[in-house]
N, C-alpha and C. Protein backbone atom coordinates (compact mmCIF):
# COMPACT_ATOMS: atom_id res chain seq x y z
N UNK A 1 139.12 93.77 122.22
CA UNK A 1 138.13 93.56 121.53
C UNK A 1 137.95 93.96 120.05
N UNK A 2 137.33 93.26 119.19
CA UNK A 2 137.37 93.36 117.98
C UNK A 2 136.27 94.48 117.45
N UNK A 3 136.50 94.91 116.30
CA UNK A 3 135.53 95.90 115.63
C UNK A 3 134.54 95.36 114.81
N UNK A 4 134.39 94.09 114.99
CA UNK A 4 133.38 93.15 114.26
C UNK A 4 132.41 92.49 114.92
N UNK A 5 131.26 92.30 114.45
CA UNK A 5 130.12 91.62 115.19
C UNK A 5 129.40 90.74 113.86
N UNK A 6 129.46 89.44 114.11
CA UNK A 6 128.93 88.37 113.20
C UNK A 6 129.40 88.69 111.69
N UNK A 7 130.83 89.04 111.81
CA UNK A 7 131.49 89.30 110.53
C UNK A 7 131.37 90.57 109.81
N UNK A 8 130.49 91.54 110.53
CA UNK A 8 130.38 92.78 109.77
C UNK A 8 130.91 93.91 110.88
N UNK A 9 131.24 95.06 110.42
CA UNK A 9 131.74 96.25 111.18
C UNK A 9 130.61 96.63 111.97
N UNK A 10 130.63 97.32 113.03
CA UNK A 10 129.89 97.84 114.01
C UNK A 10 128.94 98.88 113.29
N UNK A 11 129.68 99.76 112.43
CA UNK A 11 129.03 100.64 111.78
C UNK A 11 128.15 100.28 110.65
N UNK A 12 128.17 99.03 110.21
CA UNK A 12 127.43 98.55 109.19
C UNK A 12 125.83 98.43 109.65
N UNK A 13 125.68 98.19 110.78
CA UNK A 13 124.30 98.17 111.21
C UNK A 13 123.53 99.57 111.26
N UNK A 14 124.33 100.65 111.64
CA UNK A 14 123.82 102.08 111.67
C UNK A 14 123.66 102.40 110.23
N UNK A 15 124.61 101.84 109.23
CA UNK A 15 124.33 102.29 107.71
C UNK A 15 123.08 101.58 107.25
N UNK A 16 122.86 100.28 107.56
CA UNK A 16 121.59 99.54 107.32
C UNK A 16 120.31 100.38 107.75
N UNK A 17 120.56 100.82 109.05
CA UNK A 17 119.24 101.62 109.57
C UNK A 17 119.03 102.90 108.81
N UNK A 18 120.18 103.61 108.47
CA UNK A 18 119.90 104.71 107.62
C UNK A 18 119.29 104.31 106.25
N UNK A 19 119.65 103.35 105.67
CA UNK A 19 119.24 102.80 104.50
C UNK A 19 117.66 102.53 104.57
N UNK A 20 117.39 102.07 105.47
CA UNK A 20 115.80 101.50 105.61
C UNK A 20 115.15 102.72 106.01
N UNK A 21 115.56 103.56 106.66
CA UNK A 21 114.83 104.79 106.88
C UNK A 21 114.85 105.69 105.56
N UNK A 22 115.83 105.92 104.98
CA UNK A 22 115.80 106.42 103.49
C UNK A 22 114.82 105.96 102.59
N UNK A 23 114.78 104.77 102.55
CA UNK A 23 114.00 103.80 101.75
C UNK A 23 112.56 104.01 102.25
N UNK A 24 112.14 103.91 103.24
CA UNK A 24 110.85 104.23 103.90
C UNK A 24 110.19 105.59 103.54
N UNK A 25 111.19 106.62 103.94
CA UNK A 25 110.76 108.22 103.43
C UNK A 25 110.38 108.28 101.90
N UNK A 26 111.13 107.51 101.15
CA UNK A 26 111.10 107.69 99.85
C UNK A 26 109.74 106.92 99.33
N UNK A 27 109.41 105.88 99.94
CA UNK A 27 108.02 105.08 99.53
C UNK A 27 107.01 105.88 100.13
N UNK A 28 107.32 106.52 101.43
CA UNK A 28 106.09 107.56 101.79
C UNK A 28 105.78 108.67 100.93
N UNK A 29 106.86 109.26 100.70
CA UNK A 29 106.86 110.47 99.50
C UNK A 29 106.21 110.00 98.36
N UNK A 30 106.76 109.01 97.71
CA UNK A 30 106.28 108.62 96.47
C UNK A 30 104.68 108.32 96.55
N UNK A 31 104.45 107.59 97.58
CA UNK A 31 102.88 107.29 97.90
C UNK A 31 102.04 108.37 97.78
N UNK A 32 102.46 109.44 98.55
CA UNK A 32 101.68 110.75 98.71
C UNK A 32 101.68 111.42 97.32
N UNK A 33 102.86 111.62 96.54
CA UNK A 33 102.89 111.96 95.23
C UNK A 33 101.89 111.53 94.25
N UNK A 34 101.76 110.13 94.29
CA UNK A 34 100.92 109.43 93.40
C UNK A 34 99.44 109.66 93.91
N UNK A 35 99.04 109.66 95.21
CA UNK A 35 97.84 110.08 95.73
C UNK A 35 97.34 111.21 95.26
N UNK A 36 98.42 112.32 95.34
CA UNK A 36 98.08 113.69 94.92
C UNK A 36 97.69 113.74 93.48
N UNK A 37 98.58 112.96 92.64
CA UNK A 37 98.31 112.99 91.12
C UNK A 37 96.86 112.37 90.89
N UNK A 38 96.49 111.36 91.47
CA UNK A 38 95.12 110.66 91.30
C UNK A 38 93.84 111.57 91.80
N UNK A 39 94.22 112.32 92.89
CA UNK A 39 93.41 113.32 93.19
C UNK A 39 93.06 114.51 92.25
N UNK A 40 94.17 114.94 91.74
CA UNK A 40 94.20 115.86 90.71
C UNK A 40 93.22 115.55 89.54
N UNK A 41 93.60 114.23 89.18
CA UNK A 41 92.77 113.55 88.10
C UNK A 41 91.41 113.56 88.23
N UNK A 42 90.84 113.33 89.56
CA UNK A 42 89.37 113.30 89.92
C UNK A 42 89.03 114.76 89.92
N UNK A 43 89.80 115.67 90.49
CA UNK A 43 89.36 117.13 90.35
C UNK A 43 89.12 117.65 89.32
N UNK A 44 89.99 117.35 87.99
CA UNK A 44 90.00 118.14 86.90
C UNK A 44 88.89 117.26 86.21
N UNK A 45 88.75 116.06 86.41
CA UNK A 45 87.63 115.15 85.71
C UNK A 45 86.36 115.83 86.13
N UNK A 46 86.10 116.05 87.40
CA UNK A 46 84.63 116.59 87.97
C UNK A 46 84.35 117.91 87.31
N UNK A 47 85.68 118.80 87.26
CA UNK A 47 85.21 120.21 86.73
C UNK A 47 85.35 120.29 85.20
N UNK A 48 85.38 119.27 84.45
CA UNK A 48 85.48 119.37 82.92
C UNK A 48 84.30 119.92 82.61
N UNK A 49 84.35 120.35 81.30
CA UNK A 49 83.10 120.96 80.47
C UNK A 49 82.54 119.58 79.91
N UNK A 50 81.34 119.15 80.19
CA UNK A 50 80.63 118.02 79.48
C UNK A 50 79.78 118.33 78.45
């Protein structure tokens, strides 16, 4: 039996899955970081001396 499926090594699919998981984690982390920054802007703006 061959170590390829559809012209790609079998490990390539696992590597793609890890890449998708990593990318999703980075997007989630980045989105939360951005949301925290926006929340911080609102908090500072609310407590500013006017």
